[in-house]
Amino acid sequence: MKWGWGILGAGKVLAKVAAALPMVPGAQLVAIASRDPERARDAAACYGALRWYGEYQQLLANPDIDIVLNALHNGLHAEWTIRALQAGKHVLCEKPLAPTAAEVDAMFDAARAARRWLMEGFMYRFHPQIIEAYRRVQAGEIGDVLLVRANYATRGREPGNPRYRRDAGGGALLDVGCYTVNFARLFFGAEPRHAVAAARWSEPGGVDLTLAAQLDFGAGRAAHLHCSFEADGCYFAEVIGTQGSLRIPNPWLPPTGVGEVLITRGGQTERLTFPTPHLLTPFVEEMRHFQECIEIQRPPQFPPGIDAEQDSRANARALELIARAA
């Protein structure tokens, strides 16, 4: 079966999702929309889209589009996801779904009303290194989880980028810190009770450029998280248990496509490697999963057994908890 995709937005995310789409069986890129018609036209030519639009609503009106991928900035996620759902489209929306939990709830309420699927684009969970790391922890190979540490720091956010605008849902926590929060919740299999956080701000009333947080998961279990637009690239996650530890050098998107998991028990370290067919394989698998869920009318799950809707709602609440603490 062929599925027609339309992409909202022609920013940096487009380069990854549009390049991954041809590798998804049954997927066809029908159109790209941007408020800058020239960017939309150039992007359509570059990635082989059949059409391009200078208005988002024009894309939503195209009957050949079954699925909309919302790659707009965070501040536009809720509005245009809801509009797409109301137009009868299924929506895969880039992370985070929205800057507030109330918006996330409204998005899923709209999906239920329209009888369409909505999924948050945390593609890192579809990399085989995360799938295997999660399986090993669930199997009790490092004992009971006591501590999770995760870091996502990156430079290269150019001046004028919406990530520096509060009204666009900017800031390090929402842009990259959301990964670390998502990871901690996944490996604890629980929600944080309390948060302590500190941040460096772009200006009074501006966005967080760097943020560090400690989350209390109860019973002496904690997560130490760090995210930044100011620090040199630093990506890692570590899960420490009562019988060992598990470390992932680059949990978000390994630059060569080859993932790595290090499991240490009793002073001995087991090194696992996970090559993928392509650097963008996590995006491919995420889109393939979403298409499959639509086809068989099954709620998205990632990993299997975890309801994607409830996970996204809870992640939004955790992000708000940290934001208030900071």
C-alpha atoms as a PDB file:
ATOM      1  CA  MET A   1       0.000   0.000   0.000  1.00  0.00           C
ATOM      2  CA  LYS A   2       1.214   3.514  -0.823  1.00  0.00           C
ATOM      3  CA  TRP A   3       1.115   6.235   1.805  1.00  0.00           C
ATOM      4  CA  GLY A   4       1.299   9.874   0.766  1.00  0.00           C
ATOM      5  CA  TRP A   5       3.389  12.074   3.066  1.00  0.00           C
ATOM      6  CA  GLY A   6       3.435  15.840   3.367  1.00  0.00           C
ATOM      7  CA  ILE A   7       6.066  17.753   5.336  1.00  0.00           C
ATOM      8  CA  LEU A   8       5.363  21.063   7.082  1.00  0.00           C
ATOM      9  CA  GLY A   9       8.533  23.127   7.367  1.00  0.00           C
ATOM     10  CA  ALA A  10      11.743  23.516   5.408  1.00  0.00           C
ATOM     11  CA  GLY A  11      14.229  23.958   8.249  1.00  0.00           C
ATOM     12  CA  LYS A  12      17.158  21.749   9.266  1.00  0.00           C
ATOM     13  CA  VAL A  13      14.976  18.836  10.362  1.00  0.00           C
ATOM     14  CA  LEU A  14      13.719  18.519   6.791  1.00  0.00           C
ATOM     15  CA  ALA A  15      17.125  17.361   5.569  1.00  0.00           C
ATOM     16  CA  LYS A  16      16.890  14.261   7.772  1.00  0.00           C
ATOM     17  CA  VAL A  17      13.239  13.310   7.466  1.00  0.00           C
ATOM     18  CA  ALA A  18      12.963  13.961   3.720  1.00  0.00           C
ATOM     19  CA  ALA A  19      16.149  12.006   3.035  1.00  0.00           C
ATOM     20  CA  ALA A  20      14.892   9.085   5.138  1.00  0.00           C
ATOM     21  CA  LEU A  21      11.443   8.896   3.566  1.00  0.00           C
ATOM     22  CA  PRO A  22      12.490   7.170   0.286  1.00  0.00           C
ATOM     23  CA  MET A  23      13.884   4.306   2.387  1.00  0.00           C
ATOM     24  CA  VAL A  24      10.490   3.667   3.985  1.00  0.00           C
ATOM     25  CA  PRO A  25       8.576   0.937   2.114  1.00  0.00           C
ATOM     26  CA  GLY A  26       5.309   2.247   0.710  1.00  0.00           C
ATOM     27  CA  ALA A  27       6.031   5.907   1.465  1.00  0.00           C
ATOM     28  CA  GLN A  28       5.826   8.675  -1.117  1.00  0.00           C
ATOM     29  CA  LEU A  29       6.740  12.316  -0.531  1.00  0.00           C
ATOM     30  CA  VAL A  30       3.809  14.204  -2.030  1.00  0.00           C
ATOM     31  CA  ALA A  31       4.505  17.768  -0.910  1.00  0.00           C
ATOM     32  CA  ILE A  32       6.575  20.143   1.198  1.00  0.00           C
ATOM     33  CA  ALA A  33       5.204  23.432   2.574  1.00  0.00           C
ATOM     34  CA  SER A  34       7.002  26.490   3.888  1.00  0.00           C
ATOM     35  CA  ARG A  35       5.929  30.071   4.453  1.00  0.00           C
ATOM     36  CA  ASP A  36       8.905  30.936   2.283  1.00  0.00           C
ATOM     37  CA  PRO A  37       7.766  29.763  -1.174  1.00  0.00           C
ATOM     38  CA  GLU A  38      11.302  29.784  -2.549  1.00  0.00           C
ATOM     39  CA  ARG A  39      12.503  27.463   0.213  1.00  0.00           C
ATOM     40  CA  ALA A  40       9.546  25.165  -0.368  1.00  0.00           C
ATOM     41  CA  ARG A  41      10.230  25.032  -4.106  1.00  0.00           C
ATOM     42  CA  ASP A  42      13.939  24.351  -3.632  1.00  0.00           C
ATOM     43  CA  ALA A  43      13.270  21.674  -1.005  1.00  0.00           C
ATOM     44  CA  ALA A  44      10.727  19.926  -3.241  1.00  0.00           C
ATOM     45  CA  ALA A  45      13.235  19.861  -6.087  1.00  0.00           C
ATOM     46  CA  CYS A  46      16.005  18.591  -3.811  1.00  0.00           C
ATOM     47  CA  TYR A  47      14.020  15.758  -2.207  1.00  0.00           C
ATOM     48  CA  GLY A  48      11.766  14.765  -5.074  1.00  0.00           C
ATOM     49  CA  ALA A  49       8.430  15.981  -3.706  1.00  0.00           C
ATOM     50  CA  LEU A  50       5.660  16.060  -6.286  1.00  0.00           C
ATOM     51  CA  ARG A  51       4.339  19.441  -5.106  1.00  0.00           C
ATOM     52  CA  TRP A  52       5.359  22.418  -3.025  1.00  0.00           C
ATOM     53  CA  TYR A  53       3.293  25.065  -1.241  1.00  0.00           C
ATOM     54  CA  GLY A  54       3.905  28.508   0.207  1.00  0.00           C
ATOM     55  CA  GLU A  55       1.085  28.035   2.744  1.00  0.00           C
ATOM     56  CA  TYR A  56       0.674  25.201   5.235  1.00  0.00           C
ATOM     57  CA  GLN A  57      -3.095  25.020   4.754  1.00  0.00           C
ATOM     58  CA  GLN A  58      -2.614  24.295   1.054  1.00  0.00           C
ATOM     59  CA  LEU A  59      -0.692  21.148   1.937  1.00  0.00           C
ATOM     60  CA  LEU A  60      -3.417  20.035   4.347  1.00  0.00           C
ATOM     61  CA  ALA A  61      -5.996  20.415   1.574  1.00  0.00           C
ATOM     62  CA  ASN A  62      -4.184  17.967  -0.727  1.00  0.00           C
ATOM     63  CA  PRO A  63      -6.273  14.743  -0.812  1.00  0.00           C
ATOM     64  CA  ASP A  64      -3.237  12.662  -1.827  1.00  0.00           C
ATOM     65  CA  ILE A  65      -1.593  13.244   1.551  1.00  0.00           C
ATOM     66  CA  ASP A  66      -2.402  10.643   4.214  1.00  0.00           C
ATOM     67  CA  ILE A  67       0.297  11.518   6.753  1.00  0.00           C
ATOM     68  CA  VAL A  68       1.668  14.905   7.762  1.00  0.00           C
ATOM     69  CA  LEU A  69       5.121  15.188   9.278  1.00  0.00           C
ATOM     70  CA  ASN A  70       5.188  18.355  11.370  1.00  0.00           C
ATOM     71  CA  ALA A  71       8.764  19.667  11.258  1.00  0.00           C
ATOM     72  CA  LEU A  72       7.915  23.260  12.214  1.00  0.00           C
ATOM     73  CA  HIS A  73       9.423  24.946  15.274  1.00  0.00           C
ATOM     74  CA  ASN A  74       8.047  23.922  18.662  1.00  0.00           C
ATOM     75  CA  GLY A  75       5.790  26.940  18.990  1.00  0.00           C
ATOM     76  CA  LEU A  76       3.819  25.876  15.901  1.00  0.00           C
ATOM     77  CA  HIS A  77       3.530  22.178  16.711  1.00  0.00           C
ATOM     78  CA  ALA A  78       0.191  22.292  18.506  1.00  0.00           C
ATOM     79  CA  GLU A  79      -1.610  24.626  16.095  1.00  0.00           C
ATOM     80  CA  TRP A  80      -0.632  22.867  12.882  1.00  0.00           C
ATOM     81  CA  THR A  81      -0.827  19.348  14.263  1.00  0.00           C
ATOM     82  CA  ILE A  82      -4.402  19.996  15.360  1.00  0.00           C
ATOM     83  CA  ARG A  83      -5.237  21.566  11.993  1.00  0.00           C
ATOM     84  CA  ALA A  84      -3.761  18.575  10.183  1.00  0.00           C
ATOM     85  CA  LEU A  85      -5.734  16.128  12.330  1.00  0.00           C
ATOM     86  CA  GLN A  86      -8.930  18.079  11.706  1.00  0.00           C
ATOM     87  CA  ALA A  87      -8.160  17.894   7.991  1.00  0.00           C
ATOM     88  CA  GLY A  88      -8.216  14.094   8.283  1.00  0.00           C
ATOM     89  CA  LYS A  89      -4.456  13.492   8.272  1.00  0.00           C
ATOM     90  CA  HIS A  90      -2.444  11.272  10.586  1.00  0.00           C
ATOM     91  CA  VAL A  91       0.440  13.235  12.141  1.00  0.00           C
ATOM     92  CA  LEU A  92       4.002  12.365  13.054  1.00  0.00           C
ATOM     93  CA  CYS A  93       5.171  15.468  14.940  1.00  0.00           C
ATOM     94  CA  GLU A  94       8.792  16.182  15.751  1.00  0.00           C
ATOM     95  CA  LYS A  95       9.783  16.215  19.401  1.00  0.00           C
ATOM     96  CA  PRO A  96       8.812  17.764  21.705  1.00  0.00           C
ATOM     97  CA  LEU A  97       5.131  17.637  20.797  1.00  0.00           C
ATOM     98  CA  ALA A  98       4.554  21.104  22.271  1.00  0.00           C
ATOM     99  CA  PRO A  99       6.011  23.507  24.859  1.00  0.00           C
ATOM    100  CA  THR A 100       3.255  22.790  27.403  1.00  0.00           C
ATOM    101  CA  ALA A 101       1.431  19.733  28.706  1.00  0.00           C
ATOM    102  CA  ALA A 102      -1.906  21.457  28.094  1.00  0.00           C
ATOM    103  CA  GLU A 103      -1.085  21.766  24.392  1.00  0.00           C
ATOM    104  CA  VAL A 104      -0.024  18.114  24.227  1.00  0.00           C
ATOM    105  CA  ASP A 105      -3.314  17.077  25.819  1.00  0.00           C
ATOM    106  CA  ALA A 106      -5.228  19.200  23.285  1.00  0.00           C
ATOM    107  CA  MET A 107      -3.317  17.577  20.419  1.00  0.00           C
ATOM    108  CA  PHE A 108      -4.205  14.047  21.519  1.00  0.00           C
ATOM    109  CA  ASP A 109      -7.789  15.084  22.199  1.00  0.00           C
ATOM    110  CA  ALA A 110      -7.941  16.352  18.606  1.00  0.00           C
ATOM    111  CA  ALA A 111      -6.493  13.064  17.347  1.00  0.00           C
ATOM    112  CA  ARG A 112      -9.164  11.093  19.193  1.00  0.00           C
ATOM    113  CA  ALA A 113     -11.919  13.359  17.910  1.00  0.00           C
ATOM    114  CA  ALA A 114     -10.673  12.988  14.326  1.00  0.00           C
ATOM    115  CA  ARG A 115     -10.040   9.239  14.743  1.00  0.00           C
ATOM    116  CA  ARG A 116      -6.499   9.688  13.493  1.00  0.00           C
ATOM    117  CA  TRP A 117      -3.142   8.659  14.935  1.00  0.00           C
ATOM    118  CA  LEU A 118      -0.654  11.124  16.417  1.00  0.00           C
ATOM    119  CA  MET A 119       2.904  10.182  17.355  1.00  0.00           C
ATOM    120  CA  GLU A 120       5.834  12.134  18.776  1.00  0.00           C
ATOM    121  CA  GLY A 121       9.064  11.865  16.798  1.00  0.00           C
ATOM    122  CA  PHE A 122      11.611  10.527  19.298  1.00  0.00           C
ATOM    123  CA  MET A 123      13.500   8.643  16.604  1.00  0.00           C
ATOM    124  CA  TYR A 124      16.407   7.690  18.925  1.00  0.00           C
ATOM    125  CA  ARG A 125      14.234   4.967  20.487  1.00  0.00           C
ATOM    126  CA  PHE A 126      14.157   3.126  17.159  1.00  0.00           C
ATOM    127  CA  HIS A 127      17.927   2.633  16.990  1.00  0.00           C
ATOM    128  CA  PRO A 128      18.854  -1.008  17.758  1.00  0.00           C
ATOM    129  CA  GLN A 129      21.271   0.126  20.473  1.00  0.00           C
ATOM    130  CA  ILE A 130      18.394   1.576  22.514  1.00  0.00           C
ATOM    131  CA  ILE A 131      16.167  -1.431  21.851  1.00  0.00           C
ATOM    132  CA  GLU A 132      18.852  -3.835  23.100  1.00  0.00           C
ATOM    133  CA  ALA A 133      19.893  -1.633  26.032  1.00  0.00           C
ATOM    134  CA  TYR A 134      16.280  -1.436  27.164  1.00  0.00           C
ATOM    135  CA  ARG A 135      15.868  -5.216  26.807  1.00  0.00           C
ATOM    136  CA  ARG A 136      18.995  -5.868  28.878  1.00  0.00           C
ATOM    137  CA  VAL A 137      17.880  -3.534  31.672  1.00  0.00           C
ATOM    138  CA  GLN A 138      14.367  -4.970  31.657  1.00  0.00           C
ATOM    139  CA  ALA A 139      15.872  -8.461  31.938  1.00  0.00           C
ATOM    140  CA  GLY A 140      17.604  -7.390  35.166  1.00  0.00           C
ATOM    141  CA  GLU A 141      21.164  -7.691  33.843  1.00  0.00           C
ATOM    142  CA  ILE A 142      22.365  -4.698  35.884  1.00  0.00           C
ATOM    143  CA  GLY A 143      19.965  -5.248  38.798  1.00  0.00           C
ATOM    144  CA  ASP A 144      17.561  -2.595  40.035  1.00  0.00           C
ATOM    145  CA  VAL A 145      18.102   0.801  38.404  1.00  0.00           C
ATOM    146  CA  LEU A 146      19.381   3.383  40.900  1.00  0.00           C
ATOM    147  CA  LEU A 147      20.695   6.232  38.785  1.00  0.00           C
ATOM    148  CA  VAL A 148      20.402   7.513  35.222  1.00  0.00           C
ATOM    149  CA  ARG A 149      22.777  10.122  33.832  1.00  0.00           C
ATOM    150  CA  ALA A 150      22.232  11.680  30.422  1.00  0.00           C
ATOM    151  CA  ASN A 151      23.777  14.575  28.520  1.00  0.00           C
ATOM    152  CA  TYR A 152      22.972  16.339  25.264  1.00  0.00           C
ATOM    153  CA  ALA A 153      25.083  19.412  24.535  1.00  0.00           C
ATOM    154  CA  THR A 154      25.537  20.915  21.097  1.00  0.00           C
ATOM    155  CA  ARG A 155      26.674  24.083  19.407  1.00  0.00           C
ATOM    156  CA  GLY A 156      25.772  25.384  15.962  1.00  0.00           C
ATOM    157  CA  ARG A 157      22.467  27.089  16.735  1.00  0.00           C
ATOM    158  CA  GLU A 158      22.799  30.104  14.473  1.00  0.00           C
ATOM    159  CA  PRO A 159      21.564  33.600  15.480  1.00  0.00           C
ATOM    160  CA  GLY A 160      17.924  34.101  14.557  1.00  0.00           C
ATOM    161  CA  ASN A 161      17.125  30.412  15.017  1.00  0.00           C
ATOM    162  CA  PRO A 162      13.662  29.888  16.587  1.00  0.00           C
ATOM    163  CA  ARG A 163      15.380  27.817  19.274  1.00  0.00           C
ATOM    164  CA  TYR A 164      16.455  31.130  20.833  1.00  0.00           C
ATOM    165  CA  ARG A 165      12.896  32.480  20.964  1.00  0.00           C
ATOM    166  CA  ARG A 166      10.674  31.857  23.944  1.00  0.00           C
ATOM    167  CA  ASP A 167       7.505  32.359  21.872  1.00  0.00           C
ATOM    168  CA  ALA A 168       8.736  29.641  19.489  1.00  0.00           C
ATOM    169  CA  GLY A 169       9.174  27.099  22.294  1.00  0.00           C
ATOM    170  CA  GLY A 170      12.931  27.537  22.277  1.00  0.00           C
ATOM    171  CA  GLY A 171      15.594  26.746  24.831  1.00  0.00           C
ATOM    172  CA  ALA A 172      17.972  23.872  25.497  1.00  0.00           C
ATOM    173  CA  LEU A 173      15.515  21.888  27.622  1.00  0.00           C
ATOM    174  CA  LEU A 174      12.823  21.667  24.960  1.00  0.00           C
ATOM    175  CA  ASP A 175      15.209  21.294  22.030  1.00  0.00           C
ATOM    176  CA  VAL A 176      17.715  18.719  23.281  1.00  0.00           C
ATOM    177  CA  GLY A 177      17.013  18.207  26.974  1.00  0.00           C
ATOM    178  CA  CYS A 178      13.729  16.536  26.096  1.00  0.00           C
ATOM    179  CA  TYR A 179      15.784  13.536  24.907  1.00  0.00           C
ATOM    180  CA  THR A 180      17.482  13.142  28.286  1.00  0.00           C
ATOM    181  CA  VAL A 181      14.166  13.357  30.139  1.00  0.00           C
ATOM    182  CA  ASN A 182      12.613  10.818  27.772  1.00  0.00           C
ATOM    183  CA  PHE A 183      15.561   8.456  28.262  1.00  0.00           C
ATOM    184  CA  ALA A 184      15.449   8.648  32.070  1.00  0.00           C
ATOM    185  CA  ARG A 185      11.729   7.959  32.168  1.00  0.00           C
ATOM    186  CA  LEU A 186      12.109   5.036  29.759  1.00  0.00           C
ATOM    187  CA  PHE A 187      14.798   3.264  31.766  1.00  0.00           C
ATOM    188  CA  PHE A 188      13.196   3.883  35.150  1.00  0.00           C
ATOM    189  CA  GLY A 189       9.790   2.893  33.831  1.00  0.00           C
ATOM    190  CA  ALA A 190       8.381   5.570  36.122  1.00  0.00           C
ATOM    191  CA  GLU A 191       7.652   9.275  36.401  1.00  0.00           C
ATOM    192  CA  PRO A 192       9.666  11.816  38.412  1.00  0.00           C
ATOM    193  CA  ARG A 193       8.161  13.041  41.675  1.00  0.00           C
ATOM    194  CA  HIS A 194      10.272  16.133  42.183  1.00  0.00           C
ATOM    195  CA  ALA A 195      12.868  18.177  40.285  1.00  0.00           C
ATOM    196  CA  VAL A 196      15.737  20.461  41.209  1.00  0.00           C
ATOM    197  CA  ALA A 197      17.127  22.482  38.303  1.00  0.00           C
ATOM    198  CA  ALA A 198      19.353  25.429  37.449  1.00  0.00           C
ATOM    199  CA  ALA A 199      19.790  27.256  34.158  1.00  0.00           C
ATOM    200  CA  ARG A 200      21.754  29.967  32.347  1.00  0.00           C
ATOM    201  CA  TRP A 201      19.402  32.253  30.465  1.00  0.00           C
ATOM    202  CA  SER A 202      19.892  34.170  27.221  1.00  0.00           C
ATOM    203  CA  GLU A 203      18.393  37.231  28.963  1.00  0.00           C
ATOM    204  CA  PRO A 204      15.750  37.920  31.613  1.00  0.00           C
ATOM    205  CA  GLY A 205      12.596  36.321  30.303  1.00  0.00           C
ATOM    206  CA  GLY A 206      14.580  34.610  27.562  1.00  0.00           C
ATOM    207  CA  VAL A 207      15.385  30.954  26.908  1.00  0.00           C
ATOM    208  CA  ASP A 208      17.606  28.532  28.791  1.00  0.00           C
ATOM    209  CA  LEU A 209      20.970  28.161  27.074  1.00  0.00           C
ATOM    210  CA  THR A 210      22.220  25.551  29.534  1.00  0.00           C
ATOM    211  CA  LEU A 211      20.206  23.582  32.057  1.00  0.00           C
ATOM    212  CA  ALA A 212      21.069  20.951  34.634  1.00  0.00           C
ATOM    213  CA  ALA A 213      18.453  18.992  36.543  1.00  0.00           C
ATOM    214  CA  GLN A 214      18.117  16.245  39.117  1.00  0.00           C
ATOM    215  CA  LEU A 215      14.906  14.231  39.081  1.00  0.00           C
ATOM    216  CA  ASP A 216      13.667  12.234  42.059  1.00  0.00           C
ATOM    217  CA  PHE A 217      11.990   8.972  41.044  1.00  0.00           C
ATOM    218  CA  GLY A 218      11.419   7.860  44.637  1.00  0.00           C
ATOM    219  CA  ALA A 219      13.039   5.137  46.750  1.00  0.00           C
ATOM    220  CA  GLY A 220      16.466   6.736  46.386  1.00  0.00           C
ATOM    221  CA  ARG A 221      16.365   6.618  42.581  1.00  0.00           C
ATOM    222  CA  ALA A 222      17.481   9.715  40.686  1.00  0.00           C
ATOM    223  CA  ALA A 223      18.370  11.053  37.259  1.00  0.00           C
ATOM    224  CA  HIS A 224      21.095  13.637  36.614  1.00  0.00           C
ATOM    225  CA  LEU A 225      20.463  15.447  33.329  1.00  0.00           C
ATOM    226  CA  HIS A 226      22.338  18.163  31.428  1.00  0.00           C
ATOM    227  CA  CYS A 227      21.593  19.984  28.189  1.00  0.00           C
ATOM    228  CA  SER A 228      23.211  22.974  26.540  1.00  0.00           C
ATOM    229  CA  PHE A 229      23.518  25.165  23.461  1.00  0.00           C
ATOM    230  CA  GLU A 230      26.820  26.550  24.787  1.00  0.00           C
ATOM    231  CA  ALA A 231      28.986  23.490  25.488  1.00  0.00           C
ATOM    232  CA  ASP A 232      31.040  21.497  23.013  1.00  0.00           C
ATOM    233  CA  GLY A 233      29.235  18.470  21.644  1.00  0.00           C
ATOM    234  CA  CYS A 234      28.737  15.956  24.432  1.00  0.00           C
ATOM    235  CA  TYR A 235      26.366  13.023  24.111  1.00  0.00           C
ATOM    236  CA  PHE A 236      26.070  10.079  26.485  1.00  0.00           C
ATOM    237  CA  ALA A 237      23.697   8.187  28.714  1.00  0.00           C
ATOM    238  CA  GLU A 238      24.406   5.854  31.590  1.00  0.00           C
ATOM    239  CA  VAL A 239      22.176   3.560  33.633  1.00  0.00           C
ATOM    240  CA  ILE A 240      23.590   2.430  36.995  1.00  0.00           C
ATOM    241  CA  GLY A 241      22.043  -0.500  38.812  1.00  0.00           C
ATOM    242  CA  THR A 242      22.605  -2.590  41.914  1.00  0.00           C
ATOM    243  CA  GLN A 243      24.549  -5.238  39.968  1.00  0.00           C
ATOM    244  CA  GLY A 244      26.252  -3.290  37.193  1.00  0.00           C
ATOM    245  CA  SER A 245      26.006  -0.393  34.785  1.00  0.00           C
ATOM    246  CA  LEU A 246      25.198   0.270  31.151  1.00  0.00           C
ATOM    247  CA  ARG A 247      26.658   3.125  29.129  1.00  0.00           C
ATOM    248  CA  ILE A 248      25.728   4.370  25.648  1.00  0.00           C
ATOM    249  CA  PRO A 249      28.376   6.757  24.215  1.00  0.00           C
ATOM    250  CA  ASN A 250      25.952   8.382  21.758  1.00  0.00           C
ATOM    251  CA  PRO A 251      22.342   7.471  22.512  1.00  0.00           C
ATOM    252  CA  TRP A 252      20.666  10.095  20.312  1.00  0.00           C
ATOM    253  CA  LEU A 253      22.019   9.541  16.782  1.00  0.00           C
ATOM    254  CA  PRO A 254      25.437   7.863  16.386  1.00  0.00           C
ATOM    255  CA  PRO A 255      27.276   9.931  13.732  1.00  0.00           C
ATOM    256  CA  THR A 256      28.409   6.871  11.782  1.00  0.00           C
ATOM    257  CA  GLY A 257      25.158   4.967  12.257  1.00  0.00           C
ATOM    258  CA  VAL A 258      26.991   2.401  14.409  1.00  0.00           C
ATOM    259  CA  GLY A 259      25.664   2.299  17.954  1.00  0.00           C
ATOM    260  CA  GLU A 260      27.581   1.048  20.948  1.00  0.00           C
ATOM    261  CA  VAL A 261      26.502  -0.212  24.373  1.00  0.00           C
ATOM    262  CA  LEU A 262      28.946  -0.987  27.199  1.00  0.00           C
ATOM    263  CA  ILE A 263      27.707  -3.242  30.012  1.00  0.00           C
ATOM    264  CA  THR A 264      29.906  -3.536  33.105  1.00  0.00           C
ATOM    265  CA  ARG A 265      29.394  -6.186  35.769  1.00  0.00           C
ATOM    266  CA  GLY A 266      31.873  -7.395  38.362  1.00  0.00           C
ATOM    267  CA  GLY A 267      34.684  -5.340  36.844  1.00  0.00           C
ATOM    268  CA  GLN A 268      34.223  -6.899  33.398  1.00  0.00           C
ATOM    269  CA  THR A 269      32.889  -4.886  30.477  1.00  0.00           C
ATOM    270  CA  GLU A 270      30.915  -6.330  27.576  1.00  0.00           C
ATOM    271  CA  ARG A 271      31.012  -4.176  24.435  1.00  0.00           C
ATOM    272  CA  LEU A 272      28.121  -4.468  21.997  1.00  0.00           C
ATOM    273  CA  THR A 273      28.013  -2.778  18.588  1.00  0.00           C
ATOM    274  CA  PHE A 274      24.949  -2.114  16.460  1.00  0.00           C
ATOM    275  CA  PRO A 275      25.610  -1.133  12.843  1.00  0.00           C
ATOM    276  CA  THR A 276      22.616   0.166  10.910  1.00  0.00           C
ATOM    277  CA  PRO A 277      22.015   0.144   7.144  1.00  0.00           C
ATOM    278  CA  HIS A 278      22.102   3.944   7.086  1.00  0.00           C
ATOM    279  CA  LEU A 279      22.806   6.878   9.408  1.00  0.00           C
ATOM    280  CA  LEU A 280      19.115   7.781   9.163  1.00  0.00           C
ATOM    281  CA  THR A 281      17.837   4.272   9.961  1.00  0.00           C
ATOM    282  CA  PRO A 282      16.159   5.421  13.221  1.00  0.00           C
ATOM    283  CA  PHE A 283      14.056   7.913  11.214  1.00  0.00           C
ATOM    284  CA  VAL A 284      13.240   5.212   8.663  1.00  0.00           C
ATOM    285  CA  GLU A 285      12.119   2.759  11.336  1.00  0.00           C
ATOM    286  CA  GLU A 286      10.088   5.423  13.121  1.00  0.00           C
ATOM    287  CA  MET A 287       8.176   6.263   9.922  1.00  0.00           C
ATOM    288  CA  ARG A 288       7.747   2.609   9.004  1.00  0.00           C
ATOM    289  CA  HIS A 289       6.310   1.894  12.454  1.00  0.00           C
ATOM    290  CA  PHE A 290       3.867   4.790  12.156  1.00  0.00           C
ATOM    291  CA  GLN A 291       2.665   3.629   8.749  1.00  0.00           C
ATOM    292  CA  GLU A 292       2.206   0.094  10.062  1.00  0.00           C
ATOM    293  CA  CYS A 293       0.180   1.350  13.026  1.00  0.00           C
ATOM    294  CA  ILE A 294      -2.113   3.279  10.693  1.00  0.00           C
ATOM    295  CA  GLU A 295      -2.543   0.295   8.388  1.00  0.00           C
ATOM    296  CA  ILE A 296      -3.482  -2.186  11.108  1.00  0.00           C
ATOM    297  CA  GLN A 297      -5.192   0.389  13.356  1.00  0.00           C
ATOM    298  CA  ARG A 298      -2.909  -0.225  16.327  1.00  0.00           C
ATOM    299  CA  PRO A 299      -1.823   2.566  18.678  1.00  0.00           C
ATOM    300  CA  PRO A 300       1.850   3.530  18.227  1.00  0.00           C
ATOM    301  CA  GLN A 301       4.167   1.875  20.740  1.00  0.00           C
ATOM    302  CA  PHE A 302       7.867   2.480  21.237  1.00  0.00           C
ATOM    303  CA  PRO A 303       9.278   0.219  22.506  1.00  0.00           C
ATOM    304  CA  PRO A 304       6.572  -2.473  22.269  1.00  0.00           C
ATOM    305  CA  GLY A 305       4.279  -2.421  25.271  1.00  0.00           C
ATOM    306  CA  ILE A 306       4.665   1.295  25.995  1.00  0.00           C
ATOM    307  CA  ASP A 307       1.696   3.327  24.791  1.00  0.00           C
ATOM    308  CA  ALA A 308       3.096   6.277  22.829  1.00  0.00           C
ATOM    309  CA  GLU A 309       0.239   8.630  23.703  1.00  0.00           C
ATOM    310  CA  GLN A 310       0.534   8.189  27.454  1.00  0.00           C
ATOM    311  CA  ASP A 311       4.320   8.358  27.212  1.00  0.00           C
ATOM    312  CA  SER A 312       4.170  11.683  25.359  1.00  0.00           C
ATOM    313  CA  ARG A 313       1.669  13.169  27.785  1.00  0.00           C
ATOM    314  CA  ALA A 314       3.889  12.145  30.717  1.00  0.00           C
ATOM    315  CA  ASN A 315       7.061  13.467  29.060  1.00  0.00           C
ATOM    316  CA  ALA A 316       5.411  16.876  28.630  1.00  0.00           C
ATOM    317  CA  ARG A 317       4.507  16.950  32.321  1.00  0.00           C
ATOM    318  CA  ALA A 318       8.076  16.024  33.288  1.00  0.00           C
ATOM    319  CA  LEU A 319       9.483  18.827  31.111  1.00  0.00           C
ATOM    320  CA  GLU A 320       7.127  21.308  32.779  1.00  0.00           C
ATOM    321  CA  LEU A 321       8.245  20.049  36.206  1.00  0.00           C
ATOM    322  CA  ILE A 322      11.867  20.798  35.316  1.00  0.00           C
ATOM    323  CA  ALA A 323      11.055  24.162  33.728  1.00  0.00           C
ATOM    324  CA  ARG A 324       9.261  25.312  36.882  1.00  0.00           C
ATOM    325  CA  ALA A 325      12.179  24.190  39.031  1.00  0.00           C
ATOM    326  CA  ALA A 326      14.643  26.140  36.879  1.00  0.00           C
END
